[in-house]
Amino acid sequence: TDYLIWVAYWIGREDSCRTVSDDYAALLEQ
């Protein structure tokens, strides 16, 4: 259970980081 929580936390963090970075790159391009 703790392992699942740990992996879910990091996957969520990495996904949100990728989303924010991609959105920011698109904004800079505009």
PDB file of all heavy atoms in Angstrom:
ATOM      1  N   THR A   1       0.830  -1.202   0.000  1.00  0.00           N
ATOM      2  CA  THR A   1       0.000   0.000   0.000  1.00  0.00           C
ATOM      3  C   THR A   1       0.865   1.252   0.000  1.00  0.00           C
ATOM      4  O   THR A   1       0.608   2.191  -0.756  1.00  0.00           O
ATOM      5  CB  THR A   1      -0.935   0.004   1.225  1.00  0.00           C
ATOM      6  OG1 THR A   1      -1.683  -1.213   1.242  1.00  0.00           O
ATOM      7  CG2 THR A   1      -1.877   1.186   1.182  1.00  0.00           C
ATOM      8  N   ASP A   2       1.888   1.292   0.851  1.00  0.00           N
ATOM      9  CA  ASP A   2       2.787   2.447   0.883  1.00  0.00           C
ATOM     10  C   ASP A   2       3.529   2.607  -0.441  1.00  0.00           C
ATOM     11  O   ASP A   2       3.726   3.720  -0.921  1.00  0.00           O
ATOM     12  CB  ASP A   2       3.801   2.314   2.022  1.00  0.00           C
ATOM     13  CG  ASP A   2       3.182   2.510   3.389  1.00  0.00           C
ATOM     14  OD1 ASP A   2       1.982   2.868   3.451  1.00  0.00           O
ATOM     15  OD2 ASP A   2       3.887   2.304   4.392  1.00  0.00           O
ATOM     16  N   TYR A   3       3.917   1.491  -1.030  1.00  0.00           N
ATOM     17  CA  TYR A   3       4.603   1.528  -2.315  1.00  0.00           C
ATOM     18  C   TYR A   3       3.695   2.120  -3.393  1.00  0.00           C
ATOM     19  O   TYR A   3       4.119   2.941  -4.204  1.00  0.00           O
ATOM     20  CB  TYR A   3       5.055   0.120  -2.701  1.00  0.00           C
ATOM     21  CG  TYR A   3       5.809   0.038  -3.999  1.00  0.00           C
ATOM     22  CD1 TYR A   3       7.121   0.484  -4.080  1.00  0.00           C
ATOM     23  CD2 TYR A   3       5.218  -0.477  -5.143  1.00  0.00           C
ATOM     24  CE1 TYR A   3       7.828   0.404  -5.273  1.00  0.00           C
ATOM     25  CE2 TYR A   3       5.908  -0.555  -6.322  1.00  0.00           C
ATOM     26  CZ  TYR A   3       7.217  -0.108  -6.390  1.00  0.00           C
ATOM     27  OH  TYR A   3       7.899  -0.175  -7.569  1.00  0.00           O
ATOM     28  N   LEU A   4       2.420   1.721  -3.390  1.00  0.00           N
ATOM     29  CA  LEU A   4       1.457   2.247  -4.347  1.00  0.00           C
ATOM     30  C   LEU A   4       1.289   3.750  -4.159  1.00  0.00           C
ATOM     31  O   LEU A   4       1.258   4.513  -5.137  1.00  0.00           O
ATOM     32  CB  LEU A   4       0.108   1.537  -4.201  1.00  0.00           C
ATOM     33  CG  LEU A   4      -1.021   2.035  -5.087  1.00  0.00           C
ATOM     34  CD1 LEU A   4      -0.690   1.790  -6.551  1.00  0.00           C
ATOM     35  CD2 LEU A   4      -2.324   1.356  -4.711  1.00  0.00           C
ATOM     36  N   ILE A   5       1.207   4.206  -2.921  1.00  0.00           N
ATOM     37  CA  ILE A   5       1.083   5.631  -2.634  1.00  0.00           C
ATOM     38  C   ILE A   5       2.318   6.375  -3.120  1.00  0.00           C
ATOM     39  O   ILE A   5       2.225   7.437  -3.736  1.00  0.00           O
ATOM     40  CB  ILE A   5       0.849   5.878  -1.130  1.00  0.00           C
ATOM     41  CG1 ILE A   5      -0.539   5.356  -0.731  1.00  0.00           C
ATOM     42  CG2 ILE A   5       1.000   7.345  -0.777  1.00  0.00           C
ATOM     43  CD1 ILE A   5      -0.761   5.284   0.760  1.00  0.00           C
ATOM     44  N   TRP A   6       3.493   5.818  -2.862  1.00  0.00           N
ATOM     45  CA  TRP A   6       4.747   6.455  -3.271  1.00  0.00           C
ATOM     46  C   TRP A   6       4.829   6.590  -4.787  1.00  0.00           C
ATOM     47  O   TRP A   6       5.155   7.656  -5.313  1.00  0.00           O
ATOM     48  CB  TRP A   6       5.916   5.630  -2.734  1.00  0.00           C
ATOM     49  CG  TRP A   6       7.264   6.197  -3.010  1.00  0.00           C
ATOM     50  CD1 TRP A   6       7.892   7.180  -2.299  1.00  0.00           C
ATOM     51  CD2 TRP A   6       8.155   5.836  -4.067  1.00  0.00           C
ATOM     52  NE1 TRP A   6       9.120   7.443  -2.848  1.00  0.00           N
ATOM     53  CE2 TRP A   6       9.303   6.635  -3.939  1.00  0.00           C
ATOM     54  CE3 TRP A   6       8.095   4.917  -5.094  1.00  0.00           C
ATOM     55  CZ2 TRP A   6      10.387   6.539  -4.811  1.00  0.00           C
ATOM     56  CZ3 TRP A   6       9.169   4.817  -5.969  1.00  0.00           C
ATOM     57  CH2 TRP A   6      10.300   5.624  -5.808  1.00  0.00           C
ATOM     58  N   VAL A   7       4.522   5.521  -5.512  1.00  0.00           N
ATOM     59  CA  VAL A   7       4.569   5.554  -6.979  1.00  0.00           C
ATOM     60  C   VAL A   7       3.509   6.514  -7.522  1.00  0.00           C
ATOM     61  O   VAL A   7       3.784   7.303  -8.432  1.00  0.00           O
ATOM     62  CB  VAL A   7       4.392   4.134  -7.569  1.00  0.00           C
ATOM     63  CG1 VAL A   7       4.196   4.188  -9.074  1.00  0.00           C
ATOM     64  CG2 VAL A   7       5.593   3.266  -7.229  1.00  0.00           C
ATOM     65  N   ALA A   8       2.301   6.481  -6.966  1.00  0.00           N
ATOM     66  CA  ALA A   8       1.237   7.376  -7.428  1.00  0.00           C
ATOM     67  C   ALA A   8       1.617   8.839  -7.212  1.00  0.00           C
ATOM     68  O   ALA A   8       1.351   9.690  -8.073  1.00  0.00           O
ATOM     69  CB  ALA A   8      -0.069   7.057  -6.704  1.00  0.00           C
ATOM     70  N   TYR A   9       2.232   9.148  -6.084  1.00  0.00           N
ATOM     71  CA  TYR A   9       2.674  10.520  -5.816  1.00  0.00           C
ATOM     72  C   TYR A   9       3.651  10.991  -6.889  1.00  0.00           C
ATOM     73  O   TYR A   9       3.507  12.071  -7.460  1.00  0.00           O
ATOM     74  CB  TYR A   9       3.330  10.603  -4.433  1.00  0.00           C
ATOM     75  CG  TYR A   9       4.046  11.910  -4.194  1.00  0.00           C
ATOM     76  CD1 TYR A   9       3.347  13.028  -3.745  1.00  0.00           C
ATOM     77  CD2 TYR A   9       5.412  12.029  -4.423  1.00  0.00           C
ATOM     78  CE1 TYR A   9       4.002  14.232  -3.542  1.00  0.00           C
ATOM     79  CE2 TYR A   9       6.072  13.232  -4.220  1.00  0.00           C
ATOM     80  CZ  TYR A   9       5.365  14.317  -3.776  1.00  0.00           C
ATOM     81  OH  TYR A   9       6.021  15.519  -3.581  1.00  0.00           O
ATOM     82  N   TRP A  10       4.671  10.173  -7.163  1.00  0.00           N
ATOM     83  CA  TRP A  10       5.697  10.583  -8.124  1.00  0.00           C
ATOM     84  C   TRP A  10       5.183  10.634  -9.549  1.00  0.00           C
ATOM     85  O   TRP A  10       5.560  11.509 -10.331  1.00  0.00           O
ATOM     86  CB  TRP A  10       6.930   9.689  -8.006  1.00  0.00           C
ATOM     87  CG  TRP A  10       7.746  10.097  -6.829  1.00  0.00           C
ATOM     88  CD1 TRP A  10       7.823   9.463  -5.624  1.00  0.00           C
ATOM     89  CD2 TRP A  10       8.564  11.267  -6.712  1.00  0.00           C
ATOM     90  NE1 TRP A  10       8.639  10.156  -4.768  1.00  0.00           N
ATOM     91  CE2 TRP A  10       9.110  11.272  -5.416  1.00  0.00           C
ATOM     92  CE3 TRP A  10       8.882  12.307  -7.575  1.00  0.00           C
ATOM     93  CZ2 TRP A  10       9.960  12.274  -4.965  1.00  0.00           C
ATOM     94  CZ3 TRP A  10       9.728  13.305  -7.125  1.00  0.00           C
ATOM     95  CH2 TRP A  10      10.260  13.282  -5.836  1.00  0.00           C
ATOM     96  N   ILE A  11       4.312   9.713  -9.922  1.00  0.00           N
ATOM     97  CA  ILE A  11       3.727   9.754 -11.262  1.00  0.00           C
ATOM     98  C   ILE A  11       2.895  11.026 -11.418  1.00  0.00           C
ATOM     99  O   ILE A  11       2.975  11.705 -12.437  1.00  0.00           O
ATOM    100  CB  ILE A  11       2.895   8.487 -11.538  1.00  0.00           C
ATOM    101  CG1 ILE A  11       3.821   7.289 -11.717  1.00  0.00           C
ATOM    102  CG2 ILE A  11       2.015   8.666 -12.779  1.00  0.00           C
ATOM    103  CD1 ILE A  11       3.098   5.961 -11.839  1.00  0.00           C
ATOM    104  N   GLY A  12       2.115  11.356 -10.409  1.00  0.00           N
ATOM    105  CA  GLY A  12       1.328  12.595 -10.451  1.00  0.00           C
ATOM    106  C   GLY A  12       2.205  13.830 -10.519  1.00  0.00           C
ATOM    107  O   GLY A  12       1.929  14.772 -11.268  1.00  0.00           O
ATOM    108  N   ARG A  13       3.270  13.835  -9.752  1.00  0.00           N
ATOM    109  CA  ARG A  13       4.185  14.973  -9.762  1.00  0.00           C
ATOM    110  C   ARG A  13       4.854  15.136 -11.133  1.00  0.00           C
ATOM    111  O   ARG A  13       4.965  16.235 -11.656  1.00  0.00           O
ATOM    112  CB  ARG A  13       5.237  14.784  -8.670  1.00  0.00           C
ATOM    113  CG  ARG A  13       6.226  15.902  -8.577  1.00  0.00           C
ATOM    114  CD  ARG A  13       7.166  15.690  -7.418  1.00  0.00           C
ATOM    115  NE  ARG A  13       8.295  16.591  -7.534  1.00  0.00           N
ATOM    116  CZ  ARG A  13       8.936  17.101  -6.518  1.00  0.00           C
ATOM    117  NH1 ARG A  13       8.571  16.788  -5.296  1.00  0.00           N
ATOM    118  NH2 ARG A  13       9.947  17.911  -6.700  1.00  0.00           N
ATOM    119  N   GLU A  14       5.282  14.019 -11.702  1.00  0.00           N
ATOM    120  CA  GLU A  14       5.942  14.083 -13.015  1.00  0.00           C
ATOM    121  C   GLU A  14       4.966  14.485 -14.114  1.00  0.00           C
ATOM    122  O   GLU A  14       5.318  15.274 -14.996  1.00  0.00           O
ATOM    123  CB  GLU A  14       6.586  12.737 -13.335  1.00  0.00           C
ATOM    124  CG  GLU A  14       7.780  12.439 -12.470  1.00  0.00           C
ATOM    125  CD  GLU A  14       8.325  11.041 -12.639  1.00  0.00           C
ATOM    126  OE1 GLU A  14       7.642  10.171 -13.197  1.00  0.00           O
ATOM    127  OE2 GLU A  14       9.465  10.823 -12.191  1.00  0.00           O
ATOM    128  N   ASP A  15       3.753  13.975 -14.064  1.00  0.00           N
ATOM    129  CA  ASP A  15       2.749  14.358 -15.061  1.00  0.00           C
ATOM    130  C   ASP A  15       2.413  15.834 -14.978  1.00  0.00           C
ATOM    131  O   ASP A  15       2.309  16.515 -16.004  1.00  0.00           O
ATOM    132  CB  ASP A  15       1.477  13.530 -14.899  1.00  0.00           C
ATOM    133  CG  ASP A  15       1.634  12.098 -15.364  1.00  0.00           C
ATOM    134  OD1 ASP A  15       2.643  11.797 -16.043  1.00  0.00           O
ATOM    135  OD2 ASP A  15       0.750  11.279 -15.047  1.00  0.00           O
ATOM    136  N   SER A  16       2.243  16.345 -13.762  1.00  0.00           N
ATOM    137  CA  SER A  16       1.921  17.772 -13.619  1.00  0.00           C
ATOM    138  C   SER A  16       3.097  18.641 -14.043  1.00  0.00           C
ATOM    139  O   SER A  16       2.908  19.696 -14.661  1.00  0.00           O
ATOM    140  CB  SER A  16       1.492  18.095 -12.192  1.00  0.00           C
ATOM    141  OG  SER A  16       2.537  17.840 -11.282  1.00  0.00           O
ATOM    142  N   CYS A  17       4.305  18.207 -13.756  1.00  0.00           N
ATOM    143  CA  CYS A  17       5.497  18.954 -14.177  1.00  0.00           C
ATOM    144  C   CYS A  17       5.561  19.029 -15.695  1.00  0.00           C
ATOM    145  O   CYS A  17       5.828  20.092 -16.272  1.00  0.00           O
ATOM    146  CB  CYS A  17       6.758  18.301 -13.630  1.00  0.00           C
ATOM    147  SG  CYS A  17       8.275  19.085 -14.180  1.00  0.00           S
ATOM    148  N   ARG A  18       5.312  17.908 -16.350  1.00  0.00           N
ATOM    149  CA  ARG A  18       5.344  17.867 -17.817  1.00  0.00           C
ATOM    150  C   ARG A  18       4.257  18.778 -18.396  1.00  0.00           C
ATOM    151  O   ARG A  18       4.481  19.517 -19.345  1.00  0.00           O
ATOM    152  CB  ARG A  18       5.165  16.440 -18.311  1.00  0.00           C
ATOM    153  CG  ARG A  18       5.323  16.285 -19.804  1.00  0.00           C
ATOM    154  CD  ARG A  18       5.388  14.815 -20.175  1.00  0.00           C
ATOM    155  NE  ARG A  18       6.706  14.282 -19.925  1.00  0.00           N
ATOM    156  CZ  ARG A  18       7.670  14.236 -20.847  1.00  0.00           C
ATOM    157  NH1 ARG A  18       7.444  14.698 -22.038  1.00  0.00           N
ATOM    158  NH2 ARG A  18       8.842  13.726 -20.557  1.00  0.00           N
ATOM    159  N   THR A  19       3.066  18.757 -17.818  1.00  0.00           N
ATOM    160  CA  THR A  19       1.964  19.593 -18.295  1.00  0.00           C
ATOM    161  C   THR A  19       2.287  21.073 -18.148  1.00  0.00           C
ATOM    162  O   THR A  19       2.119  21.855 -19.091  1.00  0.00           O
ATOM    163  CB  THR A  19       0.671  19.263 -17.525  1.00  0.00           C
ATOM    164  OG1 THR A  19       0.357  17.883 -17.720  1.00  0.00           O
ATOM    165  CG2 THR A  19      -0.482  20.114 -17.988  1.00  0.00           C
ATOM    166  N   VAL A  20       2.776  21.462 -16.971  1.00  0.00           N
ATOM    167  CA  VAL A  20       3.108  22.862 -16.736  1.00  0.00           C
ATOM    168  C   VAL A  20       4.239  23.316 -17.650  1.00  0.00           C
ATOM    169  O   VAL A  20       4.184  24.402 -18.249  1.00  0.00           O
ATOM    170  CB  VAL A  20       3.477  23.102 -15.250  1.00  0.00           C
ATOM    171  CG1 VAL A  20       4.088  24.479 -15.046  1.00  0.00           C
ATOM    172  CG2 VAL A  20       2.257  22.932 -14.364  1.00  0.00           C
ATOM    173  N   SER A  21       5.260  22.492 -17.802  1.00  0.00           N
ATOM    174  CA  SER A  21       6.398  22.852 -18.655  1.00  0.00           C
ATOM    175  C   SER A  21       5.979  22.995 -20.114  1.00  0.00           C
ATOM    176  O   SER A  21       6.403  23.922 -20.800  1.00  0.00           O
ATOM    177  CB  SER A  21       7.517  21.820 -18.530  1.00  0.00           C
ATOM    178  OG  SER A  21       8.059  21.832 -17.238  1.00  0.00           O
ATOM    179  N   ASP A  22       5.145  22.085 -20.593  1.00  0.00           N
ATOM    180  CA  ASP A  22       4.674  22.154 -21.978  1.00  0.00           C
ATOM    181  C   ASP A  22       3.794  23.385 -22.205  1.00  0.00           C
ATOM    182  O   ASP A  22       3.911  24.065 -23.233  1.00  0.00           O
ATOM    183  CB  ASP A  22       3.925  20.888 -22.367  1.00  0.00           C
ATOM    184  CG  ASP A  22       4.840  19.672 -22.485  1.00  0.00           C
ATOM    185  OD1 ASP A  22       6.084  19.855 -22.550  1.00  0.00           O
ATOM    186  OD2 ASP A  22       4.313  18.543 -22.498  1.00  0.00           O
ATOM    187  N   ASP A  23       2.907  23.671 -21.250  1.00  0.00           N
ATOM    188  CA  ASP A  23       2.063  24.864 -21.364  1.00  0.00           C
ATOM    189  C   ASP A  23       2.898  26.136 -21.350  1.00  0.00           C
ATOM    190  O   ASP A  23       2.641  27.086 -22.088  1.00  0.00           O
ATOM    191  CB  ASP A  23       1.028  24.915 -20.236  1.00  0.00           C
ATOM    192  CG  ASP A  23      -0.045  23.840 -20.383  1.00  0.00           C
ATOM    193  OD1 ASP A  23      -0.125  23.209 -21.460  1.00  0.00           O
ATOM    194  OD2 ASP A  23      -0.794  23.634 -19.409  1.00  0.00           O
ATOM    195  N   TYR A  24       3.910  26.174 -20.503  1.00  0.00           N
ATOM    196  CA  TYR A  24       4.789  27.337 -20.420  1.00  0.00           C
ATOM    197  C   TYR A  24       5.591  27.512 -21.710  1.00  0.00           C
ATOM    198  O   TYR A  24       5.745  28.628 -22.202  1.00  0.00           O
ATOM    199  CB  TYR A  24       5.729  27.196 -19.221  1.00  0.00           C
ATOM    200  CG  TYR A  24       6.580  28.414 -18.972  1.00  0.00           C
ATOM    201  CD1 TYR A  24       6.018  29.601 -18.521  1.00  0.00           C
ATOM    202  CD2 TYR A  24       7.954  28.375 -19.178  1.00  0.00           C
ATOM    203  CE1 TYR A  24       6.800  30.718 -18.294  1.00  0.00           C
ATOM    204  CE2 TYR A  24       8.739  29.492 -18.951  1.00  0.00           C
ATOM    205  CZ  TYR A  24       8.155  30.657 -18.507  1.00  0.00           C
ATOM    206  OH  TYR A  24       8.934  31.764 -18.282  1.00  0.00           O
ATOM    207  N   ALA A  25       6.063  26.419 -22.286  1.00  0.00           N
ATOM    208  CA  ALA A  25       6.797  26.496 -23.558  1.00  0.00           C
ATOM    209  C   ALA A  25       5.900  27.024 -24.668  1.00  0.00           C
ATOM    210  O   ALA A  25       6.332  27.831 -25.496  1.00  0.00           O
ATOM    211  CB  ALA A  25       7.360  25.127 -23.928  1.00  0.00           C
ATOM    212  N   ALA A  26       4.628  26.599 -24.689  1.00  0.00           N
ATOM    213  CA  ALA A  26       3.682  27.099 -25.692  1.00  0.00           C
ATOM    214  C   ALA A  26       3.427  28.589 -25.492  1.00  0.00           C
ATOM    215  O   ALA A  26       3.351  29.357 -26.464  1.00  0.00           O
ATOM    216  CB  ALA A  26       2.377  26.316 -25.609  1.00  0.00           C
ATOM    217  N   LEU A  27       3.325  29.028 -24.241  1.00  0.00           N
ATOM    218  CA  LEU A  27       3.136  30.449 -23.943  1.00  0.00           C
ATOM    219  C   LEU A  27       4.342  31.269 -24.400  1.00  0.00           C
ATOM    220  O   LEU A  27       4.187  32.331 -25.020  1.00  0.00           O
ATOM    221  CB  LEU A  27       2.903  30.645 -22.448  1.00  0.00           C
ATOM    222  CG  LEU A  27       2.758  32.085 -21.958  1.00  0.00           C
ATOM    223  CD1 LEU A  27       1.481  32.697 -22.501  1.00  0.00           C
ATOM    224  CD2 LEU A  27       2.783  32.124 -20.445  1.00  0.00           C
ATOM    225  N   LEU A  28       5.533  30.781 -24.131  1.00  0.00           N
ATOM    226  CA  LEU A  28       6.738  31.486 -24.571  1.00  0.00           C
ATOM    227  C   LEU A  28       6.804  31.567 -26.095  1.00  0.00           C
ATOM    228  O   LEU A  28       7.227  32.590 -26.649  1.00  0.00           O
ATOM    229  CB  LEU A  28       7.987  30.795 -24.024  1.00  0.00           C
ATOM    230  CG  LEU A  28       8.258  30.950 -22.540  1.00  0.00           C
ATOM    231  CD1 LEU A  28       9.471  30.116 -22.146  1.00  0.00           C
ATOM    232  CD2 LEU A  28       8.467  32.396 -22.160  1.00  0.00           C
ATOM    233  N   GLU A  29       6.398  30.511 -26.762  1.00  0.00           N
ATOM    234  CA  GLU A  29       6.393  30.507 -28.229  1.00  0.00           C
ATOM    235  C   GLU A  29       5.434  31.566 -28.770  1.00  0.00           C
ATOM    236  O   GLU A  29       5.757  32.285 -29.717  1.00  0.00           O
ATOM    237  CB  GLU A  29       6.013  29.117 -28.745  1.00  0.00           C
ATOM    238  CG  GLU A  29       6.026  28.990 -30.246  1.00  0.00           C
ATOM    239  CD  GLU A  29       7.412  29.137 -30.857  1.00  0.00           C
ATOM    240  OE1 GLU A  29       8.399  28.798 -30.198  1.00  0.00           O
ATOM    241  OE2 GLU A  29       7.485  29.597 -32.013  1.00  0.00           O
ATOM    242  N   GLN A  30       4.251  31.680 -28.167  1.00  0.00           N
ATOM    243  CA  GLN A  30       3.287  32.706 -28.578  1.00  0.00           C
ATOM    244  C   GLN A  30       3.838  34.101 -28.345  1.00  0.00           C
ATOM    245  O   GLN A  30       3.686  34.990 -29.190  1.00  0.00           O
ATOM    246  CB  GLN A  30       1.972  32.529 -27.827  1.00  0.00           C
ATOM    247  CG  GLN A  30       1.213  31.288 -28.186  1.00  0.00           C
ATOM    248  CD  GLN A  30       0.045  31.047 -27.251  1.00  0.00           C
ATOM    249  OE1 GLN A  30      -0.204  31.820 -26.332  1.00  0.00           O
ATOM    250  NE2 GLN A  30      -0.671  29.952 -27.484  1.00  0.00           N
TER     251      GLN A  30
END
